[in-house]
Amino acid sequence: MLKGISIYPEALGSRKNVTQFRKQSSGQPPRGAPDRPETEAPSRGNPFPDQLQFTTEYEKGPDTASSGPRESSNSSSPSEGRTPASPEAGAPLGTLRLSVDYNFVKKALVVTVEGAHGLPVVDETTQSSDPYVKMTILPERKHRVKTRVLRKTLDPLFDETFSFYGIPYSQLQELVLHFLVLSFDRYSGDDVIGEATVPLAGLDPASGKVRLTPQILKRNIQ
C-alpha cells in the first residue's frame, strides 16, 4: 500500500468537486461547460413572462350622450300645412259666397252657390278636402239640391245656379236658406264641415241680385 495516496474513489470525487467550486468562485466557468446566453430579467409588471397574455375588446354601443336627438323614423315625415282641429262652438269654418235673385216671370227663387273660402282640412293624408254643398229651403224642406264635388281644395269655386219654382214673392220674407257643407268620402261616409243659414227677411231681390257671404259654423244638431 502506497503512502499518501488514497485509492478510494470517494476521496478523488471530493477533490474534483473542490477544484470546480474554486474555479466557479473565481468567476471562470469550468472546463467543458457550455457558454449560456445572457437573458434579460423578466419585467416586474408581468410576473409570468413566458405566459401568453390575452386582451378582450368589447364592441361599444352608440354614444347616446354625444349623439344628437334622433329623428323620427316615420316615412310620413310630419306633414306640413293646416291640420284639422276641433272647432269650438261659434268658431267660423270658412265662408260661403252666394247670390240670391227672383224671377217674376217664372215665379222662381234663383240661388247661385258661387263658392267657398277658407275651409278646414278634413283629409289629413292630402291635407285638403273634397267639398260640396247641400241646400234646402226652411221651414218646409221641400226643395233639396246639391253642388258637384270638387277634389282636393279648400277654396272651391262651384258657380252653380238653382231655380226654385212655385214660390210667391210675398212668401220670401218667411223663408230661410240652409246650406250644409260636406267633404266627400267614398269609403267611410261624407264628413260634415259645417253649415250656414241665410234668412231672406229684409232682403229685396226684386231690385237685383243680392250677394251674400255667410260664415260656415259648426253644425248644430238638435
C-alpha atoms as a PDB file:
ATOM      1  CA  MET A   1       0.000   0.000   0.000  1.00  0.00           C
ATOM      2  CA  LEU A   2       1.387   3.403  -1.082  1.00  0.00           C
ATOM      3  CA  LYS A   3       1.593   6.089   1.495  1.00  0.00           C
ATOM      4  CA  GLY A   4      -0.164   9.456   0.941  1.00  0.00           C
ATOM      5  CA  ILE A   5      -2.334   8.197  -1.883  1.00  0.00           C
ATOM      6  CA  SER A   6      -5.916   7.219  -1.287  1.00  0.00           C
ATOM      7  CA  ILE A   7      -7.216   4.605  -3.609  1.00  0.00           C
ATOM      8  CA  TYR A   8     -10.836   5.122  -2.659  1.00  0.00           C
ATOM      9  CA  PRO A   9     -12.997   6.843  -5.346  1.00  0.00           C
ATOM     10  CA  GLU A  10     -14.910   8.913  -2.802  1.00  0.00           C
ATOM     11  CA  ALA A  11     -11.794  10.841  -1.960  1.00  0.00           C
ATOM     12  CA  LEU A  12     -10.997  11.501  -5.586  1.00  0.00           C
ATOM     13  CA  GLY A  13     -14.534  12.761  -6.228  1.00  0.00           C
ATOM     14  CA  SER A  14     -14.396  15.185  -3.321  1.00  0.00           C
ATOM     15  CA  ARG A  15     -11.149  16.701  -4.548  1.00  0.00           C
ATOM     16  CA  LYS A  16     -12.602  17.190  -8.021  1.00  0.00           C
ATOM     17  CA  ASN A  17     -15.647  18.940  -6.614  1.00  0.00           C
ATOM     18  CA  VAL A  18     -13.493  21.237  -4.521  1.00  0.00           C
ATOM     19  CA  THR A  19     -11.456  22.183  -7.576  1.00  0.00           C
ATOM     20  CA  GLN A  20     -14.584  23.021  -9.626  1.00  0.00           C
ATOM     21  CA  PHE A  21     -16.030  25.096  -6.767  1.00  0.00           C
ATOM     22  CA  ARG A  22     -12.858  27.187  -6.538  1.00  0.00           C
ATOM     23  CA  LYS A  23     -12.858  27.877 -10.251  1.00  0.00           C
ATOM     24  CA  GLN A  24     -16.525  28.932 -10.179  1.00  0.00           C
ATOM     25  CA  SER A  25     -15.962  31.267  -7.261  1.00  0.00           C
ATOM     26  CA  SER A  26     -13.142  32.929  -9.161  1.00  0.00           C
ATOM     27  CA  GLY A  27     -15.583  33.865 -11.974  1.00  0.00           C
ATOM     28  CA  GLN A  28     -14.284  31.431 -14.590  1.00  0.00           C
ATOM     29  CA  PRO A  29     -16.555  28.741 -15.938  1.00  0.00           C
ATOM     30  CA  PRO A  30     -15.477  25.167 -15.547  1.00  0.00           C
ATOM     31  CA  ARG A  31     -13.853  23.367 -18.401  1.00  0.00           C
ATOM     32  CA  GLY A  32     -16.196  21.775 -20.853  1.00  0.00           C
ATOM     33  CA  ALA A  33     -19.185  23.737 -19.588  1.00  0.00           C
ATOM     34  CA  PRO A  34     -21.166  25.327 -22.449  1.00  0.00           C
ATOM     35  CA  ASP A  35     -21.490  29.105 -22.558  1.00  0.00           C
ATOM     36  CA  ARG A  36     -25.006  30.204 -21.565  1.00  0.00           C
ATOM     37  CA  PRO A  37     -26.556  33.175 -23.336  1.00  0.00           C
ATOM     38  CA  GLU A  38     -27.368  36.131 -21.222  1.00  0.00           C
ATOM     39  CA  THR A  39     -31.116  36.523 -20.628  1.00  0.00           C
ATOM     40  CA  GLU A  40     -32.894  39.695 -19.646  1.00  0.00           C
ATOM     41  CA  ALA A  41     -34.544  39.779 -16.304  1.00  0.00           C
ATOM     42  CA  PRO A  42     -38.311  39.499 -16.526  1.00  0.00           C
ATOM     43  CA  SER A  43     -40.242  42.699 -16.140  1.00  0.00           C
ATOM     44  CA  ARG A  44     -41.712  43.263 -12.736  1.00  0.00           C
ATOM     45  CA  GLY A  45     -45.006  44.343 -14.238  1.00  0.00           C
ATOM     46  CA  ASN A  46     -45.604  40.846 -15.615  1.00  0.00           C
ATOM     47  CA  PRO A  47     -44.587  38.091 -13.160  1.00  0.00           C
ATOM     48  CA  PHE A  48     -45.186  35.442 -15.834  1.00  0.00           C
ATOM     49  CA  PRO A  49     -43.216  36.489 -18.938  1.00  0.00           C
ATOM     50  CA  ASP A  50     -43.441  33.128 -20.598  1.00  0.00           C
ATOM     51  CA  GLN A  51     -47.232  33.006 -20.466  1.00  0.00           C
ATOM     52  CA  LEU A  52     -49.427  34.387 -23.237  1.00  0.00           C
ATOM     53  CA  GLN A  53     -51.397  37.480 -22.481  1.00  0.00           C
ATOM     54  CA  PHE A  54     -54.986  37.789 -23.728  1.00  0.00           C
ATOM     55  CA  THR A  55     -56.878  41.019 -24.176  1.00  0.00           C
ATOM     56  CA  THR A  56     -60.615  41.162 -24.842  1.00  0.00           C
ATOM     57  CA  GLU A  57     -62.185  44.145 -26.592  1.00  0.00           C
ATOM     58  CA  TYR A  58     -65.887  44.726 -26.247  1.00  0.00           C
ATOM     59  CA  GLU A  59     -67.809  46.487 -29.010  1.00  0.00           C
ATOM     60  CA  LYS A  60     -69.050  49.772 -27.740  1.00  0.00           C
ATOM     61  CA  GLY A  61     -72.592  50.808 -28.495  1.00  0.00           C
ATOM     62  CA  PRO A  62     -73.515  54.237 -29.851  1.00  0.00           C
ATOM     63  CA  ASP A  63     -72.725  57.070 -27.569  1.00  0.00           C
ATOM     64  CA  THR A  64     -76.205  58.309 -26.786  1.00  0.00           C
ATOM     65  CA  ALA A  65     -74.938  61.174 -24.710  1.00  0.00           C
ATOM     66  CA  SER A  66     -72.884  62.724 -27.519  1.00  0.00           C
ATOM     67  CA  SER A  67     -75.222  61.923 -30.359  1.00  0.00           C
ATOM     68  CA  GLY A  68     -77.911  64.412 -31.211  1.00  0.00           C
ATOM     69  CA  PRO A  69     -81.655  63.788 -30.958  1.00  0.00           C
ATOM     70  CA  ARG A  70     -82.890  61.056 -33.211  1.00  0.00           C
ATOM     71  CA  GLU A  71     -85.298  61.917 -35.860  1.00  0.00           C
ATOM     72  CA  SER A  72     -88.450  60.087 -36.062  1.00  0.00           C
ATOM     73  CA  SER A  73     -88.455  57.040 -38.356  1.00  0.00           C
ATOM     74  CA  ASN A  74     -91.801  57.660 -39.807  1.00  0.00           C
ATOM     75  CA  SER A  75     -91.665  57.896 -43.614  1.00  0.00           C
ATOM     76  CA  SER A  76     -94.569  60.043 -43.387  1.00  0.00           C
ATOM     77  CA  SER A  77     -92.405  62.842 -42.072  1.00  0.00           C
ATOM     78  CA  PRO A  78     -94.514  65.429 -40.140  1.00  0.00           C
ATOM     79  CA  SER A  79     -96.957  66.731 -42.636  1.00  0.00           C
ATOM     80  CA  GLU A  80     -96.898  70.414 -43.318  1.00  0.00           C
ATOM     81  CA  GLY A  81     -99.918  72.650 -43.827  1.00  0.00           C
ATOM     82  CA  ARG A  82    -103.131  73.159 -41.935  1.00  0.00           C
ATOM     83  CA  THR A  83    -104.318  70.310 -39.785  1.00  0.00           C
ATOM     84  CA  PRO A  84    -107.909  69.816 -38.748  1.00  0.00           C
ATOM     85  CA  ALA A  85    -108.720  70.973 -35.259  1.00  0.00           C
ATOM     86  CA  SER A  86    -111.954  70.502 -33.408  1.00  0.00           C
ATOM     87  CA  PRO A  87    -113.549  73.916 -33.678  1.00  0.00           C
ATOM     88  CA  GLU A  88    -115.271  75.482 -30.756  1.00  0.00           C
ATOM     89  CA  ALA A  89    -118.917  76.313 -30.955  1.00  0.00           C
ATOM     90  CA  GLY A  90    -119.360  79.522 -32.912  1.00  0.00           C
ATOM     91  CA  ALA A  91    -115.884  79.432 -34.479  1.00  0.00           C
ATOM     92  CA  PRO A  92    -116.054  80.077 -38.232  1.00  0.00           C
ATOM     93  CA  LEU A  93    -115.055  77.259 -40.587  1.00  0.00           C
ATOM     94  CA  GLY A  94    -114.765  79.395 -43.677  1.00  0.00           C
ATOM     95  CA  THR A  95    -117.269  81.439 -45.656  1.00  0.00           C
ATOM     96  CA  LEU A  96    -119.743  80.789 -48.454  1.00  0.00           C
ATOM     97  CA  ARG A  97    -120.230  83.081 -51.428  1.00  0.00           C
ATOM     98  CA  LEU A  98    -123.820  83.235 -52.639  1.00  0.00           C
ATOM     99  CA  SER A  99    -126.183  85.336 -54.668  1.00  0.00           C
ATOM    100  CA  VAL A 100    -129.986  85.484 -54.443  1.00  0.00           C
ATOM    101  CA  ASP A 101    -132.336  86.679 -57.193  1.00  0.00           C
ATOM    102  CA  TYR A 102    -136.006  86.378 -58.090  1.00  0.00           C
ATOM    103  CA  ASN A 103    -137.547  85.691 -61.486  1.00  0.00           C
ATOM    104  CA  PHE A 104    -141.010  87.298 -61.566  1.00  0.00           C
ATOM    105  CA  VAL A 105    -141.925  85.790 -64.939  1.00  0.00           C
ATOM    106  CA  LYS A 106    -141.374  82.220 -63.754  1.00  0.00           C
ATOM    107  CA  LYS A 107    -142.140  82.952 -60.105  1.00  0.00           C
ATOM    108  CA  ALA A 108    -138.911  81.331 -59.134  1.00  0.00           C
ATOM    109  CA  LEU A 109    -136.333  81.986 -56.461  1.00  0.00           C
ATOM    110  CA  VAL A 110    -132.879  81.816 -58.016  1.00  0.00           C
ATOM    111  CA  VAL A 111    -129.896  80.985 -55.786  1.00  0.00           C
ATOM    112  CA  THR A 112    -126.318  80.759 -57.068  1.00  0.00           C
ATOM    113  CA  VAL A 113    -123.678  78.979 -54.994  1.00  0.00           C
ATOM    114  CA  GLU A 114    -120.537  80.668 -56.234  1.00  0.00           C
ATOM    115  CA  GLY A 115    -118.033  79.006 -53.933  1.00  0.00           C
ATOM    116  CA  ALA A 116    -116.433  78.849 -50.507  1.00  0.00           C
ATOM    117  CA  HIS A 117    -113.258  80.144 -48.953  1.00  0.00           C
ATOM    118  CA  GLY A 118    -111.013  79.013 -46.092  1.00  0.00           C
ATOM    119  CA  LEU A 119    -112.482  75.573 -45.489  1.00  0.00           C
ATOM    120  CA  PRO A 120    -110.749  73.399 -42.857  1.00  0.00           C
ATOM    121  CA  VAL A 121    -108.661  70.346 -43.700  1.00  0.00           C
ATOM    122  CA  VAL A 122    -110.632  67.123 -43.477  1.00  0.00           C
ATOM    123  CA  ASP A 123    -108.337  64.605 -45.181  1.00  0.00           C
ATOM    124  CA  GLU A 124    -105.047  64.517 -43.255  1.00  0.00           C
ATOM    125  CA  THR A 125    -103.368  62.457 -45.976  1.00  0.00           C
ATOM    126  CA  THR A 126    -103.816  65.074 -48.688  1.00  0.00           C
ATOM    127  CA  GLN A 127    -104.067  67.991 -46.259  1.00  0.00           C
ATOM    128  CA  SER A 128    -107.180  69.084 -48.134  1.00  0.00           C
ATOM    129  CA  SER A 129    -110.885  68.380 -48.569  1.00  0.00           C
ATOM    130  CA  ASP A 130    -113.330  67.276 -51.260  1.00  0.00           C
ATOM    131  CA  PRO A 131    -116.120  69.764 -50.593  1.00  0.00           C
ATOM    132  CA  TYR A 132    -119.637  70.073 -51.896  1.00  0.00           C
ATOM    133  CA  VAL A 133    -122.754  71.895 -50.684  1.00  0.00           C
ATOM    134  CA  LYS A 134    -126.278  70.713 -49.980  1.00  0.00           C
ATOM    135  CA  MET A 135    -129.050  73.291 -49.910  1.00  0.00           C
ATOM    136  CA  THR A 136    -132.653  73.319 -48.753  1.00  0.00           C
ATOM    137  CA  ILE A 137    -135.313  75.912 -48.005  1.00  0.00           C
ATOM    138  CA  LEU A 138    -136.701  76.102 -44.495  1.00  0.00           C
ATOM    139  CA  PRO A 139    -139.110  75.626 -42.874  1.00  0.00           C
ATOM    140  CA  GLU A 140    -140.796  73.226 -45.279  1.00  0.00           C
ATOM    141  CA  ARG A 141    -137.662  71.491 -46.608  1.00  0.00           C
ATOM    142  CA  LYS A 142    -139.409  70.719 -49.877  1.00  0.00           C
ATOM    143  CA  HIS A 143    -136.580  71.810 -52.119  1.00  0.00           C
ATOM    144  CA  ARG A 144    -133.281  69.929 -51.816  1.00  0.00           C
ATOM    145  CA  VAL A 145    -130.339  70.390 -54.154  1.00  0.00           C
ATOM    146  CA  LYS A 146    -126.566  69.929 -54.016  1.00  0.00           C
ATOM    147  CA  THR A 147    -123.492  71.015 -55.926  1.00  0.00           C
ATOM    148  CA  ARG A 148    -120.912  68.791 -57.557  1.00  0.00           C
ATOM    149  CA  VAL A 149    -117.890  67.585 -55.600  1.00  0.00           C
ATOM    150  CA  LEU A 150    -114.612  69.421 -56.099  1.00  0.00           C
ATOM    151  CA  ARG A 151    -111.475  67.443 -55.311  1.00  0.00           C
ATOM    152  CA  LYS A 152    -108.623  68.484 -53.040  1.00  0.00           C
ATOM    153  CA  THR A 153    -109.390  72.122 -52.450  1.00  0.00           C
ATOM    154  CA  LEU A 154    -110.103  74.405 -49.524  1.00  0.00           C
ATOM    155  CA  ASP A 155    -111.362  77.239 -51.722  1.00  0.00           C
ATOM    156  CA  PRO A 156    -113.831  75.628 -54.102  1.00  0.00           C
ATOM    157  CA  LEU A 157    -115.460  77.501 -56.985  1.00  0.00           C
ATOM    158  CA  PHE A 158    -118.809  75.865 -57.754  1.00  0.00           C
ATOM    159  CA  ASP A 159    -120.608  78.589 -59.719  1.00  0.00           C
ATOM    160  CA  GLU A 160    -123.847  76.600 -59.833  1.00  0.00           C
ATOM    161  CA  THR A 161    -127.313  78.161 -60.084  1.00  0.00           C
ATOM    162  CA  PHE A 162    -130.518  76.599 -58.740  1.00  0.00           C
ATOM    163  CA  SER A 163    -134.063  77.793 -59.504  1.00  0.00           C
ATOM    164  CA  PHE A 164    -136.919  77.031 -57.115  1.00  0.00           C
ATOM    165  CA  TYR A 165    -140.264  77.399 -58.874  1.00  0.00           C
ATOM    166  CA  GLY A 166    -143.674  77.986 -57.379  1.00  0.00           C
ATOM    167  CA  ILE A 167    -142.547  80.325 -54.609  1.00  0.00           C
ATOM    168  CA  PRO A 168    -144.537  83.577 -54.481  1.00  0.00           C
ATOM    169  CA  TYR A 169    -142.543  86.708 -53.979  1.00  0.00           C
ATOM    170  CA  SER A 170    -144.657  87.656 -50.963  1.00  0.00           C
ATOM    171  CA  GLN A 171    -143.538  84.475 -49.241  1.00  0.00           C
ATOM    172  CA  LEU A 172    -139.806  85.174 -49.418  1.00  0.00           C
ATOM    173  CA  GLN A 173    -139.723  87.019 -46.097  1.00  0.00           C
ATOM    174  CA  GLU A 174    -140.762  83.838 -44.300  1.00  0.00           C
ATOM    175  CA  LEU A 175    -138.099  81.580 -45.793  1.00  0.00           C
ATOM    176  CA  VAL A 176    -134.612  80.677 -44.649  1.00  0.00           C
ATOM    177  CA  LEU A 177    -131.939  79.213 -46.914  1.00  0.00           C
ATOM    178  CA  HIS A 178    -129.964  76.406 -45.260  1.00  0.00           C
ATOM    179  CA  PHE A 179    -126.568  75.290 -46.588  1.00  0.00           C
ATOM    180  CA  LEU A 180    -124.691  72.207 -45.407  1.00  0.00           C
ATOM    181  CA  VAL A 181    -121.028  71.987 -46.413  1.00  0.00           C
ATOM    182  CA  LEU A 182    -119.575  68.478 -46.590  1.00  0.00           C
ATOM    183  CA  SER A 183    -116.395  66.705 -47.682  1.00  0.00           C
ATOM    184  CA  PHE A 184    -116.867  63.654 -49.886  1.00  0.00           C
ATOM    185  CA  ASP A 185    -115.519  60.302 -48.631  1.00  0.00           C
ATOM    186  CA  ARG A 186    -116.146  57.236 -50.741  1.00  0.00           C
ATOM    187  CA  TYR A 187    -115.328  54.649 -48.080  1.00  0.00           C
ATOM    188  CA  SER A 188    -116.210  55.888 -44.592  1.00  0.00           C
ATOM    189  CA  GLY A 189    -119.043  58.299 -45.357  1.00  0.00           C
ATOM    190  CA  ASP A 190    -119.032  62.021 -46.058  1.00  0.00           C
ATOM    191  CA  ASP A 191    -117.738  64.368 -43.371  1.00  0.00           C
ATOM    192  CA  VAL A 192    -119.794  67.375 -42.328  1.00  0.00           C
ATOM    193  CA  ILE A 193    -117.664  70.526 -42.348  1.00  0.00           C
ATOM    194  CA  GLY A 194    -120.327  72.938 -41.148  1.00  0.00           C
ATOM    195  CA  GLU A 195    -123.492  74.802 -42.008  1.00  0.00           C
ATOM    196  CA  ALA A 196    -124.717  78.289 -42.862  1.00  0.00           C
ATOM    197  CA  THR A 197    -128.181  79.831 -42.738  1.00  0.00           C
ATOM    198  CA  VAL A 198    -129.454  82.851 -44.654  1.00  0.00           C
ATOM    199  CA  PRO A 199    -132.828  84.320 -43.618  1.00  0.00           C
ATOM    200  CA  LEU A 200    -134.490  86.070 -46.537  1.00  0.00           C
ATOM    201  CA  ALA A 201    -136.252  88.502 -44.235  1.00  0.00           C
ATOM    202  CA  GLY A 202    -135.086  92.029 -45.019  1.00  0.00           C
ATOM    203  CA  LEU A 203    -133.711  91.084 -48.437  1.00  0.00           C
ATOM    204  CA  ASP A 204    -135.216  92.548 -51.609  1.00  0.00           C
ATOM    205  CA  PRO A 205    -134.074  90.531 -54.635  1.00  0.00           C
ATOM    206  CA  ALA A 206    -136.671  92.352 -56.793  1.00  0.00           C
ATOM    207  CA  SER A 207    -134.236  95.212 -57.265  1.00  0.00           C
ATOM    208  CA  GLY A 208    -131.475  92.943 -58.470  1.00  0.00           C
ATOM    209  CA  LYS A 209    -129.143  90.150 -57.474  1.00  0.00           C
ATOM    210  CA  VAL A 210    -128.143  90.202 -53.802  1.00  0.00           C
ATOM    211  CA  ARG A 211    -124.666  88.882 -52.966  1.00  0.00           C
ATOM    212  CA  LEU A 212    -124.064  87.277 -49.574  1.00  0.00           C
ATOM    213  CA  THR A 213    -121.058  85.836 -47.733  1.00  0.00           C
ATOM    214  CA  PRO A 214    -122.367  83.944 -44.687  1.00  0.00           C
ATOM    215  CA  GLN A 215    -119.959  82.276 -42.294  1.00  0.00           C
ATOM    216  CA  ILE A 216    -119.800  78.494 -42.049  1.00  0.00           C
ATOM    217  CA  LEU A 217    -120.285  77.371 -38.447  1.00  0.00           C
ATOM    218  CA  LYS A 218    -120.155  74.056 -36.673  1.00  0.00           C
ATOM    219  CA  ARG A 219    -123.304  72.073 -37.289  1.00  0.00           C
ATOM    220  CA  ASN A 220    -125.872  72.459 -34.545  1.00  0.00           C
ATOM    221  CA  ILE A 221    -127.550  69.075 -34.180  1.00  0.00           C
ATOM    222  CA  GLN A 222    -130.818  69.396 -32.285  1.00  0.00           C
END
